[in-house]
Protein backbone atom coordinates (compact mmCIF):
# COMPACT_ATOMS: atom_id res chain seq x y z
CA MET A 1 -4.13 16.66 5.31
CA PRO A 2 -7.56 16.00 6.83
CA ASN A 3 -7.95 12.59 8.40
CA ARG A 4 -11.47 11.73 9.41
CA LYS A 5 -11.22 9.45 12.41
CA THR A 6 -13.20 6.23 12.12
CA ASN A 7 -14.83 4.68 15.15
CA VAL A 8 -13.45 1.26 14.18
CA PRO A 9 -9.77 0.71 15.02
CA PHE A 10 -7.45 -0.49 12.27
CA VAL A 11 -6.59 -4.15 12.65
CA GLY A 12 -4.33 -5.47 9.93
CA THR A 13 -2.67 -8.87 9.89
CA LYS A 14 0.88 -9.82 8.93
CA GLU A 15 -0.58 -11.82 6.04
CA GLN A 16 -2.42 -8.73 4.74
CA GLU A 17 0.71 -6.62 5.04
CA ASP A 18 2.77 -9.24 3.18
CA LYS A 19 0.19 -9.27 0.36
CA LEU A 20 0.23 -5.47 0.23
CA LEU A 21 4.03 -5.29 0.11
CA ALA A 22 4.10 -7.89 -2.67
CA ALA A 23 1.54 -5.91 -4.67
CA ILE A 24 3.46 -2.67 -4.17
CA ASP A 25 6.74 -4.29 -5.21
CA ARG A 26 5.08 -5.79 -8.29
CA LEU A 27 3.62 -2.42 -9.36
CA LYS A 28 5.93 0.32 -8.05
CA ASP A 29 8.18 0.53 -11.11
CA ASP A 30 5.24 0.95 -13.49
CA LYS A 31 4.53 4.59 -14.37
CA GLY A 32 1.12 5.67 -13.12
CA SER A 33 0.59 2.60 -10.94
CA LEU A 34 -0.69 4.36 -7.81
CA ILE A 35 -4.35 3.65 -8.62
CA ALA A 36 -3.56 -0.03 -9.18
CA MET A 37 -1.73 -0.13 -5.84
CA LEU A 38 -4.67 1.48 -4.08
CA GLN A 39 -7.06 -0.97 -5.73
CA SER A 40 -4.92 -3.87 -4.55
CA ALA A 41 -4.72 -2.42 -1.05
CA GLN A 42 -8.48 -1.97 -0.89
CA ASP A 43 -8.99 -5.55 -2.14
CA ILE A 44 -6.74 -6.77 0.68
CA TYR A 45 -8.08 -4.63 3.55
CA GLY A 46 -11.58 -3.72 2.33
CA TYR A 47 -10.79 -0.01 2.62
CA LEU A 48 -7.80 2.38 2.70
CA PRO A 49 -7.00 3.37 6.27
CA ILE A 50 -4.24 5.92 6.84
CA GLU A 51 -1.97 3.12 8.11
CA VAL A 52 -2.15 1.41 4.71
CA GLN A 53 -1.61 4.69 2.88
CA ARG A 54 1.55 5.23 4.98
CA ILE A 55 2.87 1.78 4.03
CA ILE A 56 2.40 2.65 0.35
CA ALA A 57 4.09 6.02 0.84
CA ASP A 58 7.04 4.52 2.73
CA ARG A 59 7.55 1.72 0.21
CA THR A 60 7.23 3.84 -2.93
CA GLY A 61 8.45 7.29 -1.91
CA ILE A 62 5.17 8.79 -3.15
CA PRO A 63 4.17 11.59 -0.76
CA LEU A 64 1.38 10.61 1.62
CA GLU A 65 -0.54 13.75 0.59
CA GLU A 66 -0.57 12.57 -3.04
CA ILE A 67 -1.80 9.10 -2.03
CA TYR A 68 -4.51 10.62 0.14
CA GLY A 69 -5.49 12.97 -2.68
CA VAL A 70 -5.97 10.11 -5.14
CA ALA A 71 -7.79 7.96 -2.55
CA THR A 72 -10.25 10.77 -1.78
CA PHE A 73 -10.71 11.90 -5.40
CA TYR A 74 -12.01 8.61 -6.80
CA ALA A 75 -15.38 7.33 -5.56
CA GLN A 76 -14.22 3.70 -5.87
CA PHE A 77 -12.00 4.13 -2.81
CA SER A 78 -13.18 4.17 0.79
CA LEU A 79 -11.21 5.51 3.76
CA ASN A 80 -13.61 3.86 6.19
CA PRO A 81 -14.28 0.18 6.81
CA LYS A 82 -17.50 -1.41 5.60
CA GLY A 83 -19.69 -3.39 7.96
CA GLN A 84 -20.78 -6.98 7.64
CA TYR A 85 -24.13 -5.48 6.59
CA LYS A 86 -23.75 -2.58 4.16
CA ILE A 87 -26.81 -0.34 4.31
CA SER A 88 -27.26 2.01 1.39
CA CYS A 89 -30.12 4.52 1.47
CA CYS A 90 -31.17 6.11 -1.77
CA LEU A 91 -31.50 9.86 -1.42
CA GLY A 92 -32.13 10.46 -5.12
CA THR A 93 -34.98 12.74 -6.13
CA ALA A 94 -37.81 10.16 -6.25
CA CYS A 95 -36.81 8.58 -2.94
CA TYR A 96 -36.15 11.87 -1.19
CA VAL A 97 -39.50 13.33 -2.21
CA LYS A 98 -41.19 10.23 -0.77
CA GLY A 99 -39.49 10.54 2.64
CA ALA A 100 -36.11 8.82 2.31
CA GLY A 101 -34.51 11.55 4.40
CA ASP A 102 -36.67 10.52 7.36
CA PHE A 103 -35.74 6.85 7.31
CA PHE A 104 -32.09 7.66 6.61
CA GLN A 105 -32.04 9.85 9.73
CA LYS A 106 -33.82 7.14 11.73
CA ILE A 107 -31.23 4.51 10.70
CA SER A 108 -28.41 6.92 11.48
CA ASP A 109 -29.89 7.60 14.92
CA GLU A 110 -30.58 3.92 15.65
CA LEU A 111 -27.06 2.82 14.72
CA GLY A 112 -25.33 5.91 16.11
CA ILE A 113 -23.35 6.48 12.91
CA LYS A 114 -23.33 8.94 10.01
CA SER A 115 -23.08 8.28 6.30
CA GLY A 116 -19.72 6.70 5.50
CA ASP A 117 -19.30 5.28 9.00
CA CYS A 118 -19.30 1.79 10.46
CA THR A 119 -20.61 0.70 13.85
CA PRO A 120 -17.83 -0.01 16.39
CA ASP A 121 -18.63 -3.74 16.31
CA GLY A 122 -18.18 -3.81 12.51
CA LYS A 123 -21.71 -5.10 11.99
CA PHE A 124 -23.29 -2.21 10.04
CA SER A 125 -22.04 0.50 7.73
CA LEU A 126 -24.22 3.26 6.33
CA GLU A 127 -24.03 5.10 3.02
CA ALA A 128 -26.27 7.61 1.31
CA CYS A 129 -26.44 7.03 -2.44
CA ARG A 130 -28.06 8.72 -5.41
CA CYS A 131 -30.51 6.52 -7.32
CA ILE A 132 -30.21 2.76 -7.41
CA GLY A 133 -32.63 2.49 -10.32
CA ALA A 134 -35.70 1.39 -8.38
CA CYS A 135 -37.61 4.67 -8.47
CA GLY A 136 -40.95 2.84 -8.74
CA LEU A 137 -40.31 1.45 -5.24
CA ALA A 138 -39.31 4.79 -3.72
CA PRO A 139 -38.14 5.25 -1.10
CA VAL A 140 -35.60 2.42 -1.28
CA LEU A 141 -32.70 1.07 0.74
CA THR A 142 -30.46 -1.94 0.35
CA VAL A 143 -28.78 -4.11 2.94
CA ASN A 144 -26.06 -5.96 1.05
CA ASP A 145 -28.07 -7.52 -1.82
CA ASP A 146 -31.51 -7.23 -0.16
CA VAL A 147 -33.73 -4.42 -1.50
CA TYR A 148 -36.47 -2.78 0.59
CA GLY A 149 -38.95 -0.44 -1.06
CA ARG A 150 -41.88 1.84 -0.21
CA LEU A 151 -40.37 2.40 3.22
CA THR A 152 -41.33 4.51 6.18
CA ALA A 153 -39.23 5.46 9.19
CA GLU A 154 -41.41 3.18 11.32
CA GLU A 155 -40.05 0.13 9.45
CA VAL A 156 -36.40 0.79 10.34
CA ASP A 157 -36.41 -1.21 13.59
CA SER A 158 -37.89 -4.33 11.96
CA ILE A 159 -35.43 -4.18 9.05
CA LEU A 160 -32.41 -3.80 11.35
CA ALA A 161 -33.70 -6.62 13.58
CA LYS A 162 -33.39 -9.05 10.63
CA TYR A 163 -29.64 -8.54 10.69
């Protein structure tokens, strides 16, 4: 089973684990409840690290490989933590044609992370997405709920400095 190593160590609390165990116990006897368990786990931790997947496997008897398979199949689940500031760069056709690849690479270089990763301090996470519906502003990126359009790679430093 592949396990992409994140650069942010897992830090779970006893309170989070207690909530997870309660959710598992509430759901484990329901047929087909694995997705609901994973949703609960992601709500509690913000993502699905391997440590959390192991807890689910140990508590339910569901093989870890099956849990991992479901967690990686559905786009709603993330195996990596999200940063305080979630940067999403549109690489859809309109944005890409207008240079989104350049500013995506510049952000990746500046932060020292790839798509799907989080900076070691937990401040920024970076995702590439396909079309956020603002093609008239291409190229576009979002930082949490803030939208930036008609971007160039030269603007990356000033945008990151705001956060």
